[in-house]
Amino acid sequence: MLVSERLKRLLRLVPGERRFGFYRFLPFFFVLGGAMEWFMINVRIGKETFYDVYRRKQSERQYEARMKKEE
């Protein structure tokens, strides 16, 4: 219960409760989404970023589809 009360108190500190209700948290989610996107594009884990892996897999799928079509 102690954590729940602290969380409620922390959430009440965010302004705009009367006017926006739950939607007052949307700016936080936009910032979180932008930060995740930046992380996926710019931060390398090993030698690759998320988008390097995505592009490679996409080109592999296109190649396999082309080979299947030629058969």
N, C-alpha and C. Protein backbone atom coordinates (compact mmCIF):
# COMPACT_ATOMS: atom_id res chain seq x y z
N MET A 1 0.81 -1.20 0.00
CA MET A 1 0.00 0.00 0.00
C MET A 1 0.85 1.26 0.00
N LEU A 2 2.01 1.18 0.60
CA LEU A 2 2.87 2.35 0.70
C LEU A 2 3.32 2.81 -0.69
N VAL A 3 3.66 1.87 -1.55
CA VAL A 3 4.09 2.22 -2.90
C VAL A 3 2.92 2.80 -3.68
N SER A 4 1.73 2.24 -3.50
CA SER A 4 0.55 2.71 -4.19
C SER A 4 0.22 4.15 -3.80
N GLU A 5 0.32 4.46 -2.55
CA GLU A 5 0.05 5.82 -2.09
C GLU A 5 1.08 6.80 -2.63
N ARG A 6 2.33 6.38 -2.65
CA ARG A 6 3.38 7.25 -3.20
C ARG A 6 3.16 7.49 -4.69
N LEU A 7 2.76 6.46 -5.40
CA LEU A 7 2.49 6.59 -6.83
C LEU A 7 1.32 7.53 -7.08
N LYS A 8 0.27 7.39 -6.30
CA LYS A 8 -0.89 8.28 -6.44
C LYS A 8 -0.50 9.73 -6.18
N ARG A 9 0.31 9.94 -5.16
CA ARG A 9 0.76 11.30 -4.83
C ARG A 9 1.62 11.86 -5.96
N LEU A 10 2.48 11.04 -6.53
CA LEU A 10 3.33 11.47 -7.64
C LEU A 10 2.49 11.81 -8.88
N LEU A 11 1.48 11.00 -9.17
CA LEU A 11 0.62 11.25 -10.33
C LEU A 11 -0.23 12.51 -10.14
N ARG A 12 -0.59 12.81 -8.91
CA ARG A 12 -1.37 14.03 -8.65
C ARG A 12 -0.56 15.30 -8.87
N LEU A 13 0.77 15.19 -8.85
CA LEU A 13 1.63 16.35 -9.06
C LEU A 13 1.64 16.81 -10.52
N VAL A 14 1.23 15.94 -11.45
CA VAL A 14 1.20 16.31 -12.87
C VAL A 14 0.03 17.26 -13.08
N PRO A 15 0.28 18.45 -13.61
CA PRO A 15 -0.80 19.43 -13.75
C PRO A 15 -1.80 19.05 -14.85
N GLY A 16 -2.98 19.66 -14.79
CA GLY A 16 -3.99 19.51 -15.83
C GLY A 16 -5.01 18.42 -15.59
N GLU A 17 -5.13 17.95 -14.37
CA GLU A 17 -6.05 16.84 -14.08
C GLU A 17 -7.50 17.21 -14.38
N ARG A 18 -7.92 18.40 -13.99
CA ARG A 18 -9.32 18.80 -14.20
C ARG A 18 -9.64 19.01 -15.67
N ARG A 19 -8.75 19.65 -16.39
CA ARG A 19 -9.02 19.99 -17.79
C ARG A 19 -8.80 18.80 -18.73
N PHE A 20 -7.69 18.07 -18.56
CA PHE A 20 -7.32 17.03 -19.51
C PHE A 20 -7.57 15.61 -19.02
N GLY A 21 -7.76 15.43 -17.74
CA GLY A 21 -7.97 14.09 -17.19
C GLY A 21 -6.76 13.20 -17.42
N PHE A 22 -7.02 11.98 -17.84
CA PHE A 22 -5.94 11.03 -18.07
C PHE A 22 -5.02 11.47 -19.21
N TYR A 23 -5.54 12.26 -20.14
CA TYR A 23 -4.77 12.65 -21.31
C TYR A 23 -3.63 13.62 -20.98
N ARG A 24 -3.54 14.06 -19.77
CA ARG A 24 -2.45 14.96 -19.39
C ARG A 24 -1.10 14.24 -19.43
N PHE A 25 -1.12 12.92 -19.51
CA PHE A 25 0.13 12.15 -19.56
C PHE A 25 0.64 11.95 -20.98
N LEU A 26 -0.13 12.34 -21.99
CA LEU A 26 0.27 12.14 -23.38
C LEU A 26 1.64 12.72 -23.73
N PRO A 27 1.99 13.93 -23.31
CA PRO A 27 3.33 14.44 -23.65
C PRO A 27 4.46 13.53 -23.18
N PHE A 28 4.29 12.88 -22.03
CA PHE A 28 5.32 11.96 -21.55
C PHE A 28 5.47 10.78 -22.50
N PHE A 29 4.35 10.27 -23.01
CA PHE A 29 4.41 9.14 -23.93
C PHE A 29 5.03 9.54 -25.27
N PHE A 30 4.75 10.76 -25.74
CA PHE A 30 5.38 11.23 -26.97
C PHE A 30 6.89 11.32 -26.80
N VAL A 31 7.32 11.86 -25.67
CA VAL A 31 8.76 11.98 -25.42
C VAL A 31 9.39 10.59 -25.29
N LEU A 32 8.72 9.69 -24.61
CA LEU A 32 9.22 8.32 -24.46
C LEU A 32 9.34 7.65 -25.82
N GLY A 33 8.34 7.81 -26.69
CA GLY A 33 8.38 7.23 -28.03
C GLY A 33 9.51 7.81 -28.86
N GLY A 34 9.71 9.12 -28.77
CA GLY A 34 10.81 9.75 -29.49
C GLY A 34 12.17 9.26 -29.01
N ALA A 35 12.29 9.10 -27.70
CA ALA A 35 13.55 8.61 -27.14
C ALA A 35 13.83 7.18 -27.58
N MET A 36 12.79 6.36 -27.61
CA MET A 36 12.97 4.98 -28.07
C MET A 36 13.39 4.95 -29.54
N GLU A 37 12.77 5.77 -30.36
CA GLU A 37 13.11 5.83 -31.79
C GLU A 37 14.56 6.28 -31.97
N TRP A 38 14.97 7.31 -31.25
CA TRP A 38 16.35 7.77 -31.33
C TRP A 38 17.31 6.67 -30.92
N PHE A 39 16.98 5.97 -29.86
CA PHE A 39 17.82 4.88 -29.36
C PHE A 39 17.96 3.79 -30.41
N MET A 40 16.84 3.42 -31.05
CA MET A 40 16.86 2.35 -32.04
C MET A 40 17.66 2.75 -33.28
N ILE A 41 17.69 4.01 -33.62
CA ILE A 41 18.42 4.46 -34.81
C ILE A 41 19.90 4.66 -34.51
N ASN A 42 20.24 5.23 -33.38
CA ASN A 42 21.60 5.70 -33.14
C ASN A 42 22.47 4.83 -32.25
N VAL A 43 21.91 4.01 -31.42
CA VAL A 43 22.71 3.25 -30.46
C VAL A 43 23.02 1.88 -31.04
N ARG A 44 24.30 1.58 -31.11
CA ARG A 44 24.74 0.29 -31.64
C ARG A 44 24.92 -0.69 -30.49
N ILE A 45 24.36 -1.87 -30.66
CA ILE A 45 24.57 -2.97 -29.72
C ILE A 45 25.36 -4.00 -30.50
N GLY A 46 26.58 -4.21 -30.11
CA GLY A 46 27.49 -5.00 -30.93
C GLY A 46 27.91 -4.14 -32.11
N LYS A 47 27.64 -4.62 -33.32
CA LYS A 47 28.01 -3.86 -34.51
C LYS A 47 26.79 -3.34 -35.26
N GLU A 48 25.60 -3.59 -34.74
CA GLU A 48 24.40 -3.25 -35.49
C GLU A 48 23.41 -2.46 -34.65
N THR A 49 22.63 -1.63 -35.35
CA THR A 49 21.49 -0.97 -34.73
C THR A 49 20.25 -1.78 -35.08
N PHE A 50 19.14 -1.42 -34.50
CA PHE A 50 17.88 -2.11 -34.79
C PHE A 50 17.54 -2.00 -36.26
N TYR A 51 17.75 -0.83 -36.84
CA TYR A 51 17.37 -0.63 -38.24
C TYR A 51 18.29 -1.35 -39.20
N ASP A 52 19.56 -1.57 -38.84
CA ASP A 52 20.44 -2.39 -39.68
C ASP A 52 19.87 -3.80 -39.78
N VAL A 53 19.46 -4.35 -38.66
CA VAL A 53 18.89 -5.70 -38.65
C VAL A 53 17.58 -5.73 -39.43
N TYR A 54 16.75 -4.71 -39.24
CA TYR A 54 15.47 -4.65 -39.95
C TYR A 54 15.67 -4.61 -41.46
N ARG A 55 16.59 -3.75 -41.93
CA ARG A 55 16.84 -3.64 -43.36
C ARG A 55 17.40 -4.93 -43.93
N ARG A 56 18.31 -5.58 -43.20
CA ARG A 56 18.87 -6.83 -43.68
C ARG A 56 17.81 -7.91 -43.80
N LYS A 57 16.97 -8.04 -42.79
CA LYS A 57 15.91 -9.04 -42.82
C LYS A 57 14.92 -8.76 -43.95
N GLN A 58 14.61 -7.48 -44.16
CA GLN A 58 13.68 -7.11 -45.23
C GLN A 58 14.27 -7.47 -46.59
N SER A 59 15.54 -7.20 -46.80
CA SER A 59 16.14 -7.54 -48.09
C SER A 59 16.24 -9.05 -48.27
N GLU A 60 16.47 -9.80 -47.18
CA GLU A 60 16.48 -11.26 -47.27
C GLU A 60 15.11 -11.78 -47.68
N ARG A 61 14.06 -11.22 -47.10
CA ARG A 61 12.70 -11.64 -47.47
C ARG A 61 12.40 -11.33 -48.93
N GLN A 62 12.83 -10.17 -49.39
CA GLN A 62 12.61 -9.81 -50.80
C GLN A 62 13.37 -10.75 -51.72
N TYR A 63 14.58 -11.09 -51.37
CA TYR A 63 15.39 -12.00 -52.17
C TYR A 63 14.73 -13.38 -52.23
N GLU A 64 14.28 -13.89 -51.08
CA GLU A 64 13.62 -15.19 -51.05
C GLU A 64 12.34 -15.18 -51.87
N ALA A 65 11.57 -14.10 -51.81
CA ALA A 65 10.34 -14.00 -52.59
C ALA A 65 10.66 -13.98 -54.09
N ARG A 66 11.72 -13.28 -54.47
CA ARG A 66 12.12 -13.22 -55.88
C ARG A 66 12.58 -14.60 -56.37
N MET A 67 13.32 -15.33 -55.53
CA MET A 67 13.77 -16.67 -55.90
C MET A 67 12.59 -17.63 -56.03
N LYS A 68 11.62 -17.50 -55.14
CA LYS A 68 10.44 -18.34 -55.18
C LYS A 68 9.61 -18.05 -56.44
N LYS A 69 9.56 -16.79 -56.81
CA LYS A 69 8.79 -16.36 -57.99
C LYS A 69 9.44 -16.89 -59.27
N GLU A 70 10.76 -16.95 -59.31
CA GLU A 70 11.47 -17.42 -60.49
C GLU A 70 11.35 -18.92 -60.68
N GLU A 71 11.07 -19.66 -59.63
CA GLU A 71 10.96 -21.13 -59.73
C GLU A 71 9.77 -21.58 -60.46
